[in-house]
Amino acid sequence: MKFIVRLHAEITVKSKSLRKRHGSVLSSNIRNLIKQHTDQVAVRWLWDKIEVEIPADEQLAGKVRDVLVCIPGISHIEEVIETDFTDFEGALQFVIDNMGPALTHKSFAVRVKRRGKHEFSSQDLAVYIGGGIRARVEGATVKLVQPQETVQLWLENDTLSLLVRRLPGLGGYPLPTQETALSLISGGFDSAVASYQFIRRGARTHFCFFNLGGAAAHEAAVREVAYYVWKKYSSTHPVKFVSVDFSGVVEAILNQNEPGVMGVLLKRSMLRAAALVADRVNAQALVTGEALGQVSSQTLSNLQIIDEVTHKLVLRPLITMDKQDIVNIARDIGVEEMAASIPEYCGVISNKPTVKAKQQVVLAAEAGITDEMIEEAVMAAPVKDIREVHAQPTAYMPPIYTQEQELPTGTVVIDIRSPEEEDEAPLSLASTEVVHIPFFKLANKMQTMDTSKPYALYCQQGVMSRLQAIALKEQGVAHLALYEPKD
């Protein structure tokens, strides 16, 4: 079986040396991925196309199709079958044998392209085959404009090829012709799609995750998203996954006195840390999933303030995209369901965030987030091959109580919301003890508490409490539950 791979149009207009380099890299990527399924593969770069030949096996062909449509740098893939060309009649019979049933009671057109010396024109062959199909296939009618089916033939010297399937490619450039980037991934729609977009454009893309709450389950879920994107679209080149414990930075942000700039402070802190991580993995740029105006920290004024914190190039491939378009791409590339299940942390975002932060206010509020704090978090973060950190998220889920009366006797409810959230809507129960411990202090505080008591964690949405319960379970706290009162 043969596949003809067409290079992305932007590659074909490059200089001879660049086109040669891109063609060579793309051929190597194709060969390496298909060899994971069969050693019997031939990949040939022929300047304007790449030919891929494999044994005639439909199951193998299906795997090769799945591989080719996910390789950056490909415009489209044409699956063809070939025969030796002898005469017009033999060519007609070849077409009818392979496409006859698909042309029954359909309008069709025949397109022929030739290369080599022949005593006839492409039009002569097309007319003969078209007339033969109309005469021998029931209900088949010629329609040159917008036919229901197109018979596409290529005649190269004495070899006749018939197109049986055409598949769209990713476009973009072959990996890693566009150098290296570091994607700040949270596991949500935006960062996953932004990572994919950079991979598609030919940049080897490492992943950096900032763990704001310390829950291993959240990190494991983000790793799954990162691994999926890497495995499906860029597994020709290994990348790193770096998880930075940002709980100390979060505590510093929540303890400063300017709640309106919390989101800006968090983003600036992330860029400060990411720039250091980028140096560790030799990345030339940082990639984020921010879209203009989507949240308060993503206004032009705030983005300017955020970018001032680093000299590293910060790129935002989704900056002008609507949220629904981002979700649609997430669905197309296969991460929608995973991204939808991963929580967005709101504990470090003020209820009244500013959309136009003032530089002097930000700098004053940022004084407590020292360079040493950032460097310590980054230097403590392990840089691991993404293949090593791939693992399923933990399945542990504590019991959930929706009414105070259901709570076991002696249960202490821990309100883990931020101080600002707790002040606005204090949790008060009639006959159950309630203590307030912000989520970023919970792990340390629990070390001094009586772990033999039953505890139930509470937060506004029930997301942070679940993640913190998993983290505490990993620390050995035995009697845990969630308190999620119904509105």
Protein backbone atom coordinates (compact mmCIF):
# COMPACT_ATOMS: atom_id res chain seq x y z
CA MET A 1 0.00 0.00 0.00
CA LYS A 2 1.18 3.51 -0.72
CA PHE A 3 0.53 6.87 0.91
CA ILE A 4 1.54 10.11 -0.77
CA VAL A 5 2.28 12.79 1.81
CA ARG A 6 2.00 16.38 0.61
CA LEU A 7 4.08 18.99 2.41
CA HIS A 8 2.39 21.99 4.01
CA ALA A 9 2.22 24.86 1.51
CA GLU A 10 4.38 27.16 3.64
CA ILE A 11 7.23 24.65 3.34
CA THR A 12 7.05 24.48 -0.46
CA VAL A 13 7.70 28.22 -0.91
CA LYS A 14 10.87 28.25 1.20
CA SER A 15 14.41 28.37 -0.16
CA LYS A 16 15.96 25.21 -1.57
CA SER A 17 18.10 24.60 1.53
CA LEU A 18 15.22 25.13 4.00
CA ARG A 19 12.83 23.02 1.94
CA LYS A 20 15.41 20.24 1.83
CA ARG A 21 15.87 20.43 5.61
CA HIS A 22 12.12 20.39 6.31
CA GLY A 23 11.57 17.50 3.89
CA SER A 24 14.37 15.50 5.46
CA VAL A 25 13.15 16.11 9.02
CA LEU A 26 9.54 15.28 8.11
CA SER A 27 10.60 12.07 6.36
CA SER A 28 12.56 11.02 9.43
CA ASN A 29 9.62 11.77 11.74
CA ILE A 30 7.26 9.73 9.56
CA ARG A 31 9.67 6.81 9.39
CA ASN A 32 10.31 6.74 13.13
CA LEU A 33 6.61 6.76 14.04
CA ILE A 34 5.53 4.12 11.53
CA LYS A 35 8.38 1.85 12.62
CA GLN A 36 6.62 1.59 15.96
CA HIS A 37 4.02 -0.49 14.09
CA THR A 38 6.07 -2.25 11.37
CA ASP A 39 9.68 -2.54 10.24
CA GLN A 40 8.49 -3.03 6.67
CA VAL A 41 8.16 0.60 5.70
CA ALA A 42 9.81 2.61 2.95
CA VAL A 43 9.79 6.41 3.16
CA ARG A 44 11.11 8.41 0.19
CA TRP A 45 11.28 12.19 -0.09
CA LEU A 46 10.73 13.27 -3.72
CA TRP A 47 10.99 17.07 -3.34
CA ASP A 48 7.29 17.89 -3.78
CA LYS A 49 5.96 14.86 -1.91
CA ILE A 50 6.92 12.01 0.41
CA GLU A 51 5.99 8.46 -0.56
CA VAL A 52 5.28 5.94 2.19
CA GLU A 53 4.96 2.25 1.32
CA ILE A 54 3.82 -0.47 3.70
CA PRO A 55 2.64 -4.09 3.30
CA ALA A 56 -0.94 -4.60 2.09
CA ASP A 57 -2.63 -5.00 5.47
CA GLU A 58 -5.80 -3.03 6.25
CA GLN A 59 -5.27 -3.14 10.01
CA LEU A 60 -1.76 -1.76 9.59
CA ALA A 61 -3.02 0.82 7.09
CA GLY A 62 -5.49 2.09 9.69
CA LYS A 63 -2.68 2.60 12.20
CA VAL A 64 -0.56 4.40 9.60
CA ARG A 65 -3.47 6.72 8.75
CA ASP A 66 -3.86 7.58 12.43
CA VAL A 67 -0.13 8.33 12.65
CA LEU A 68 0.12 10.49 9.53
CA VAL A 69 -2.81 12.79 10.32
CA CYS A 70 -1.13 13.75 13.62
CA ILE A 71 2.34 14.63 12.30
CA PRO A 72 3.07 18.37 12.01
CA GLY A 73 4.22 19.58 8.60
CA ILE A 74 1.75 17.64 6.44
CA SER A 75 -0.84 19.36 4.26
CA HIS A 76 -2.78 16.22 3.36
CA ILE A 77 -2.34 12.50 2.79
CA GLU A 78 -3.39 10.65 -0.36
CA GLU A 79 -3.85 6.91 -0.10
CA VAL A 80 -3.40 5.29 -3.51
CA ILE A 81 -3.38 1.90 -5.16
CA GLU A 82 -1.09 1.22 -8.12
CA THR A 83 -0.92 -0.93 -11.21
CA ASP A 84 1.27 -1.22 -14.29
CA PHE A 85 -0.08 0.85 -17.15
CA THR A 86 -0.40 -0.99 -20.44
CA ASP A 87 -3.27 0.62 -22.34
CA PHE A 88 -6.48 2.63 -21.94
CA GLU A 89 -8.67 -0.43 -21.56
CA GLY A 90 -6.54 -1.85 -18.78
CA ALA A 91 -6.67 1.50 -16.98
CA LEU A 92 -10.47 1.61 -17.30
CA GLN A 93 -10.88 -1.89 -15.89
CA PHE A 94 -8.53 -1.01 -13.00
CA VAL A 95 -10.74 1.96 -12.09
CA ILE A 96 -14.00 0.00 -12.36
CA ASP A 97 -12.64 -2.87 -10.25
CA ASN A 98 -11.69 -0.49 -7.45
CA MET A 99 -14.31 2.27 -7.66
CA GLY A 100 -17.24 0.80 -9.55
CA PRO A 101 -19.55 0.27 -6.55
CA ALA A 102 -18.85 3.80 -5.27
CA LEU A 103 -19.87 5.29 -8.65
CA THR A 104 -23.19 3.45 -9.02
CA HIS A 105 -26.02 5.99 -9.48
CA LYS A 106 -23.57 8.84 -8.81
CA SER A 107 -22.32 11.79 -10.81
CA PHE A 108 -18.56 11.73 -11.36
CA ALA A 109 -15.60 13.39 -13.02
CA VAL A 110 -12.25 11.94 -14.05
CA ARG A 111 -9.04 13.90 -13.39
CA VAL A 112 -5.73 12.69 -14.80
CA LYS A 113 -2.22 13.98 -14.18
CA ARG A 114 0.74 12.64 -16.15
CA ARG A 115 4.51 12.65 -15.87
CA GLY A 116 6.79 11.07 -18.47
CA LYS A 117 6.68 10.52 -22.23
CA HIS A 118 3.41 9.20 -23.65
CA GLU A 119 1.78 9.30 -27.08
CA PHE A 120 -1.46 10.68 -25.67
CA SER A 121 -2.59 13.55 -23.46
CA SER A 122 -4.04 13.48 -19.96
CA GLN A 123 -7.34 14.61 -21.46
CA ASP A 124 -7.37 11.65 -23.88
CA LEU A 125 -7.07 9.18 -21.02
CA ALA A 126 -9.66 11.00 -18.89
CA VAL A 127 -12.21 11.02 -21.72
CA TYR A 128 -11.75 7.31 -22.41
CA ILE A 129 -12.10 6.28 -18.77
CA GLY A 130 -15.07 8.62 -18.21
CA GLY A 131 -16.91 7.21 -21.22
CA GLY A 132 -16.19 3.66 -20.12
CA ILE A 133 -17.50 4.26 -16.61
CA ARG A 134 -20.68 5.85 -17.93
CA ALA A 135 -21.26 2.86 -20.23
CA ARG A 136 -20.44 0.08 -17.76
CA VAL A 137 -21.47 1.37 -14.31
CA GLU A 138 -25.20 1.50 -13.67
CA GLY A 139 -26.56 5.02 -13.17
CA ALA A 140 -23.13 6.71 -13.41
CA THR A 141 -23.29 10.14 -15.07
CA VAL A 142 -20.54 12.58 -15.99
CA LYS A 143 -20.59 15.93 -14.19
CA LEU A 144 -17.42 17.98 -14.44
CA VAL A 145 -18.46 20.67 -11.93
CA GLN A 146 -19.11 19.60 -8.32
CA PRO A 147 -19.52 15.86 -9.00
CA GLN A 148 -20.53 13.50 -6.23
CA GLU A 149 -17.39 11.44 -6.80
CA THR A 150 -14.02 12.28 -8.36
CA VAL A 151 -11.81 9.66 -10.01
CA GLN A 152 -8.27 10.99 -9.47
CA LEU A 153 -5.50 9.28 -11.44
CA TRP A 154 -1.75 9.84 -11.70
CA LEU A 155 0.25 8.29 -14.52
CA GLU A 156 3.99 8.43 -13.93
CA ASN A 157 5.86 6.74 -16.78
CA ASP A 158 4.38 3.22 -16.72
CA THR A 159 2.80 3.31 -13.25
CA LEU A 160 -0.87 4.22 -12.82
CA SER A 161 -2.07 5.35 -9.37
CA LEU A 162 -5.69 5.72 -8.24
CA LEU A 163 -6.67 7.85 -5.25
CA VAL A 164 -8.83 5.87 -2.83
CA ARG A 165 -8.76 8.15 0.21
CA ARG A 166 -7.67 11.73 0.98
CA LEU A 167 -7.07 12.80 4.58
CA PRO A 168 -6.31 16.29 5.91
CA GLY A 169 -3.02 16.80 7.74
CA LEU A 170 -2.13 19.11 10.62
CA GLY A 171 -0.29 21.66 8.50
CA GLY A 172 2.44 23.63 10.25
CA TYR A 173 6.10 22.62 10.30
CA PRO A 174 7.97 19.41 11.15
CA LEU A 175 9.27 19.00 14.69
CA PRO A 176 11.61 20.46 15.85
CA THR A 177 12.42 22.87 13.02
CA GLN A 178 11.06 25.86 14.99
CA GLU A 179 13.27 25.34 18.06
CA THR A 180 11.99 24.86 21.63
CA ALA A 181 9.26 26.35 23.82
CA LEU A 182 8.04 25.86 27.39
CA SER A 183 4.27 25.68 27.82
CA LEU A 184 2.70 26.71 31.12
CA ILE A 185 0.07 24.00 31.39
CA SER A 186 -2.78 23.89 33.88
CA GLY A 187 -4.64 21.01 32.26
CA GLY A 188 -7.57 23.18 31.17
CA PHE A 189 -8.78 23.87 27.65
CA ASP A 190 -6.64 26.95 27.03
CA SER A 191 -3.20 25.69 27.97
CA ALA A 192 -3.75 22.31 26.29
CA VAL A 193 -4.79 23.94 23.02
CA ALA A 194 -1.96 26.49 23.22
CA SER A 195 0.53 23.63 23.65
CA TYR A 196 -0.95 21.82 20.66
CA GLN A 197 -0.76 24.95 18.52
CA PHE A 198 2.94 25.32 19.18
CA ILE A 199 3.61 21.66 18.52
CA ARG A 200 1.70 21.98 15.25
CA ARG A 201 3.92 24.89 14.23
CA GLY A 202 7.00 22.73 14.68
CA ALA A 203 8.31 23.75 18.13
CA ARG A 204 9.43 21.09 20.57
CA THR A 205 7.22 21.94 23.56
CA HIS A 206 8.15 21.12 27.15
CA PHE A 207 5.54 21.39 29.92
CA CYS A 208 5.64 23.35 33.19
CA PHE A 209 2.90 22.90 35.80
CA PHE A 210 2.52 25.15 38.83
CA ASN A 211 0.94 23.18 41.67
CA LEU A 212 -0.98 25.78 43.67
CA GLY A 213 -2.64 23.49 46.19
CA GLY A 214 -0.30 20.58 46.71
CA ALA A 215 -2.78 17.85 45.69
CA ALA A 216 -1.07 15.00 43.86
CA ALA A 217 -4.32 14.07 42.10
CA HIS A 218 -4.48 17.45 40.37
CA GLU A 219 -0.90 17.14 39.17
CA ALA A 220 -1.53 13.59 37.97
CA ALA A 221 -4.53 14.76 35.95
CA VAL A 222 -2.49 17.56 34.36
CA ARG A 223 0.25 15.07 33.53
CA GLU A 224 -2.34 12.98 31.71
CA VAL A 225 -3.30 15.93 29.51
CA ALA A 226 0.33 16.84 28.81
CA TYR A 227 1.23 13.23 28.06
CA TYR A 228 -1.73 12.82 25.73
CA VAL A 229 -0.87 15.95 23.72
CA TRP A 230 2.79 14.92 23.52
CA LYS A 231 2.11 11.28 22.67
CA LYS A 232 -0.41 12.03 19.94
CA TYR A 233 1.25 14.99 18.24
CA SER A 234 4.96 15.13 19.10
CA SER A 235 6.22 11.76 20.32
CA THR A 236 9.04 11.83 17.76
CA HIS A 237 10.93 14.03 20.22
CA PRO A 238 11.03 13.49 24.01
CA VAL A 239 10.12 16.45 26.20
CA LYS A 240 10.29 17.35 29.88
CA PHE A 241 7.53 17.78 32.45
CA VAL A 242 8.37 20.12 35.32
CA SER A 243 6.09 20.46 38.35
CA VAL A 244 6.79 23.50 40.53
CA ASP A 245 5.37 23.56 44.07
CA PHE A 246 3.88 27.06 44.24
CA SER A 247 2.06 26.72 47.56
CA GLY A 248 4.53 29.05 49.30
CA VAL A 249 4.10 31.68 46.60
CA VAL A 250 0.31 31.36 46.84
CA GLU A 251 0.50 31.92 50.59
CA ALA A 252 2.56 35.07 50.06
CA ILE A 253 0.07 36.37 47.49
CA LEU A 254 -2.90 35.76 49.78
CA ASN A 255 -1.16 37.43 52.71
CA GLN A 256 -0.42 40.72 50.92
CA ASN A 257 -2.81 43.67 51.27
CA GLU A 258 -3.91 44.30 47.67
CA PRO A 259 -6.58 41.67 46.87
CA GLY A 260 -7.45 43.31 43.56
CA VAL A 261 -4.08 42.40 42.01
CA MET A 262 -3.89 38.78 43.16
CA GLY A 263 -4.38 37.41 39.65
CA VAL A 264 -1.70 39.69 38.21
CA LEU A 265 0.71 38.77 41.00
CA LEU A 266 0.17 35.07 40.39
CA LYS A 267 0.79 35.40 36.64
CA ARG A 268 3.91 37.52 37.21
CA SER A 269 5.21 34.98 39.71
CA MET A 270 4.59 32.18 37.25
CA LEU A 271 6.51 33.97 34.50
CA ARG A 272 9.40 34.65 36.86
CA ALA A 273 9.59 30.97 37.71
CA ALA A 274 8.92 29.79 34.15
CA ALA A 275 11.82 31.86 32.83
CA LEU A 276 14.14 29.95 35.17
CA VAL A 277 12.60 26.62 34.15
CA ALA A 278 13.01 27.58 30.48
CA ASP A 279 16.73 28.06 31.04
CA ARG A 280 16.91 24.58 32.59
CA VAL A 281 15.33 22.96 29.52
CA ASN A 282 16.94 25.29 26.94
CA ALA A 283 13.64 26.78 25.75
CA GLN A 284 13.66 30.01 23.76
CA ALA A 285 10.10 31.11 24.62
CA LEU A 286 7.25 30.72 27.09
CA VAL A 287 3.78 29.71 25.88
CA THR A 288 0.56 30.50 27.73
CA GLY A 289 -3.12 29.91 26.98
CA GLU A 290 -4.27 33.45 27.70
CA ALA A 291 -6.96 35.03 25.50
CA LEU A 292 -7.58 38.76 25.43
CA GLY A 293 -10.25 39.82 27.94
CA GLN A 294 -11.21 36.29 28.97
CA VAL A 295 -10.50 37.06 32.63
CA SER A 296 -9.45 40.20 34.47
CA SER A 297 -5.72 39.46 34.33
CA GLN A 298 -5.89 39.16 30.54
CA THR A 299 -6.64 42.77 29.62
CA LEU A 300 -4.01 44.57 27.57
CA SER A 301 -3.04 46.74 30.54
CA ASN A 302 -2.61 43.77 32.85
CA LEU A 303 -0.80 41.65 30.25
CA GLN A 304 1.67 44.49 29.80
CA ILE A 305 2.28 44.60 33.56
CA ILE A 306 2.63 40.81 33.64
CA ASP A 307 5.14 40.65 30.77
CA GLU A 308 7.36 43.33 32.29
CA VAL A 309 8.53 40.84 34.91
CA THR A 310 10.65 38.80 32.45
CA HIS A 311 12.93 39.31 29.48
CA LYS A 312 11.90 35.90 28.13
CA LEU A 313 9.74 35.90 25.01
CA VAL A 314 6.11 35.23 26.03
CA LEU A 315 3.85 33.92 23.26
CA ARG A 316 0.06 33.57 23.42
CA PRO A 317 -1.28 31.62 20.41
CA LEU A 318 -4.90 31.94 21.60
CA ILE A 319 -4.85 35.66 22.29
CA THR A 320 -7.63 36.61 19.80
CA MET A 321 -9.67 33.41 19.99
CA ASP A 322 -13.16 33.04 21.45
CA LYS A 323 -13.62 30.49 24.22
CA GLN A 324 -15.97 28.32 22.16
CA ASP A 325 -13.42 28.14 19.35
CA ILE A 326 -10.82 27.00 21.87
CA VAL A 327 -13.19 24.34 23.23
CA ASN A 328 -13.92 23.19 19.68
CA ILE A 329 -10.21 22.68 19.01
CA ALA A 330 -9.87 20.85 22.33
CA ARG A 331 -12.65 18.54 21.17
CA ASP A 332 -11.02 18.01 17.77
CA ILE A 333 -7.64 17.09 19.24
CA GLY A 334 -9.15 14.81 21.88
CA VAL A 335 -8.56 16.67 25.16
CA GLU A 336 -12.01 18.16 25.79
CA GLU A 337 -13.19 15.52 28.24
CA MET A 338 -9.93 15.48 30.19
CA ALA A 339 -9.71 19.27 30.33
CA ALA A 340 -13.32 19.61 31.46
CA SER A 341 -12.64 17.36 34.46
CA ILE A 342 -9.67 19.36 35.73
CA PRO A 343 -10.50 22.20 38.14
CA GLU A 344 -9.51 25.82 37.75
CA TYR A 345 -8.09 27.21 40.98
CA CYS A 346 -9.93 30.32 42.11
CA GLY A 347 -8.51 30.58 45.62
CA VAL A 348 -5.88 33.14 44.60
CA ILE A 349 -8.19 35.32 42.53
CA SER A 350 -9.94 38.23 44.23
CA ASN A 351 -13.70 38.55 44.01
CA LYS A 352 -13.09 42.12 42.81
CA PRO A 353 -10.01 41.92 40.57
CA THR A 354 -8.72 45.00 38.83
CA VAL A 355 -8.68 45.08 35.05
CA LYS A 356 -6.05 47.83 34.97
CA ALA A 357 -3.44 47.24 37.63
CA LYS A 358 -1.09 50.08 38.50
CA GLN A 359 2.59 49.27 38.32
CA GLN A 360 3.47 50.85 41.66
CA VAL A 361 0.69 48.95 43.43
CA VAL A 362 1.79 45.66 41.88
CA LEU A 363 5.45 46.21 42.75
CA ALA A 364 4.59 47.09 46.35
CA ALA A 365 2.34 44.05 46.74
CA GLU A 366 5.00 41.86 45.13
CA ALA A 367 7.70 42.79 47.63
CA GLY A 368 6.95 39.71 49.73
CA ILE A 369 7.46 37.38 46.77
CA THR A 370 11.24 37.40 46.71
CA ASP A 371 13.58 36.15 44.01
CA GLU A 372 14.92 33.66 46.54
CA MET A 373 11.42 32.26 47.07
CA ILE A 374 10.93 31.82 43.32
CA GLU A 375 14.38 30.32 42.79
CA GLU A 376 13.93 27.90 45.68
CA ALA A 377 10.65 26.63 44.23
CA VAL A 378 12.18 26.18 40.77
CA MET A 379 15.39 24.53 41.95
CA ALA A 380 13.35 22.06 44.02
CA ALA A 381 11.23 21.11 41.01
CA PRO A 382 12.32 17.86 39.34
CA VAL A 383 12.82 17.97 35.56
CA LYS A 384 11.52 14.62 34.32
CA ASP A 385 11.04 12.92 30.99
CA ILE A 386 7.31 13.02 30.32
CA ARG A 387 7.36 9.26 29.70
CA GLU A 388 8.51 8.73 33.30
CA VAL A 389 5.76 10.77 34.93
CA HIS A 390 2.89 9.28 32.92
CA ALA A 391 0.48 7.67 35.40
CA GLN A 392 -3.21 7.40 36.08
CA PRO A 393 -4.67 9.87 38.61
CA THR A 394 -5.58 8.36 41.96
CA ALA A 395 -9.12 7.03 42.22
CA TYR A 396 -9.53 7.84 45.95
CA MET A 397 -12.74 9.70 46.75
CA PRO A 398 -13.78 10.48 50.35
CA PRO A 399 -17.44 10.25 51.43
CA ILE A 400 -19.60 13.31 50.79
CA TYR A 401 -22.16 14.73 53.23
CA THR A 402 -24.71 17.27 52.05
CA GLN A 403 -26.44 17.99 55.38
CA GLU A 404 -25.06 18.74 58.83
CA GLN A 405 -27.23 16.01 60.36
CA GLU A 406 -25.43 13.37 58.26
CA LEU A 407 -21.98 14.18 59.63
CA PRO A 408 -20.56 11.50 61.97
CA THR A 409 -20.47 12.39 65.66
CA GLY A 410 -17.43 14.43 66.59
CA THR A 411 -16.67 15.59 63.06
CA VAL A 412 -14.80 18.88 62.72
CA VAL A 413 -15.61 20.80 59.54
CA ILE A 414 -12.58 22.59 58.10
CA ASP A 415 -13.41 25.58 55.91
CA ILE A 416 -10.46 25.71 53.48
CA ARG A 417 -11.54 28.78 51.52
CA SER A 418 -9.32 31.84 51.23
CA PRO A 419 -9.67 34.43 54.04
CA GLU A 420 -11.46 36.80 51.67
CA GLU A 421 -14.07 34.19 50.71
CA GLU A 422 -14.57 33.17 54.34
CA ASP A 423 -15.07 36.79 55.43
CA GLU A 424 -17.74 37.38 52.79
CA ALA A 425 -19.76 34.25 53.58
CA PRO A 426 -18.77 32.65 56.91
CA LEU A 427 -19.73 29.02 57.41
CA SER A 428 -21.73 28.48 60.60
CA LEU A 429 -23.25 25.17 61.70
CA ALA A 430 -25.70 24.61 64.54
CA SER A 431 -24.03 21.75 66.39
CA THR A 432 -20.79 21.04 64.54
CA GLU A 433 -17.41 22.64 65.18
CA VAL A 434 -16.11 24.69 62.25
CA VAL A 435 -12.50 25.84 61.93
CA HIS A 436 -11.08 28.01 59.17
CA ILE A 437 -7.75 26.89 57.68
CA PRO A 438 -6.98 28.24 54.18
CA PHE A 439 -6.11 25.47 51.74
CA PHE A 440 -2.51 26.68 51.34
CA LYS A 441 -1.90 26.24 55.10
CA LEU A 442 -3.83 22.99 55.54
CA ALA A 443 -1.02 20.46 55.03
CA ASN A 444 1.29 22.11 57.58
CA LYS A 445 -1.49 22.81 60.08
CA MET A 446 -2.74 19.24 59.97
CA GLN A 447 0.63 18.03 61.27
CA THR A 448 -0.19 19.65 64.63
CA MET A 449 -3.81 18.46 64.82
CA ASP A 450 -5.32 15.28 66.23
CA THR A 451 -5.51 13.03 63.15
CA SER A 452 -7.61 10.46 65.00
CA LYS A 453 -10.60 12.82 64.79
CA PRO A 454 -12.97 12.74 61.81
CA TYR A 455 -12.67 15.81 59.56
CA ALA A 456 -14.86 17.10 56.74
CA LEU A 457 -13.43 19.64 54.30
CA TYR A 458 -15.53 22.46 52.89
CA CYS A 459 -15.06 24.91 50.02
CA GLN A 460 -17.46 26.85 47.81
CA GLN A 461 -17.47 24.59 44.74
CA GLY A 462 -16.36 21.30 46.27
CA VAL A 463 -13.33 21.07 43.98
CA MET A 464 -10.50 22.31 46.16
CA SER A 465 -11.81 20.28 49.10
CA ARG A 466 -11.63 17.06 47.07
CA LEU A 467 -8.06 17.71 46.00
CA GLN A 468 -6.98 18.63 49.51
CA ALA A 469 -8.63 15.49 50.90
CA ILE A 470 -6.57 13.40 48.48
CA ALA A 471 -3.40 15.24 49.51
CA LEU A 472 -4.14 14.67 53.23
CA LYS A 473 -4.91 11.01 52.59
CA GLU A 474 -1.46 10.67 51.05
CA GLN A 475 -0.03 12.20 54.25
CA GLY A 476 -1.73 9.55 56.35
CA VAL A 477 -4.83 11.36 57.62
CA ALA A 478 -7.32 8.54 57.94
CA HIS A 479 -10.80 9.93 58.70
CA LEU A 480 -11.69 12.36 55.95
CA ALA A 481 -14.93 13.43 54.33
CA LEU A 482 -16.31 16.30 52.28
CA TYR A 483 -19.04 18.68 53.39
CA GLU A 484 -20.97 19.92 50.37
CA PRO A 485 -24.28 21.44 51.55
CA LYS A 486 -26.94 21.79 48.91
CA ASP A 487 -28.06 25.35 48.12
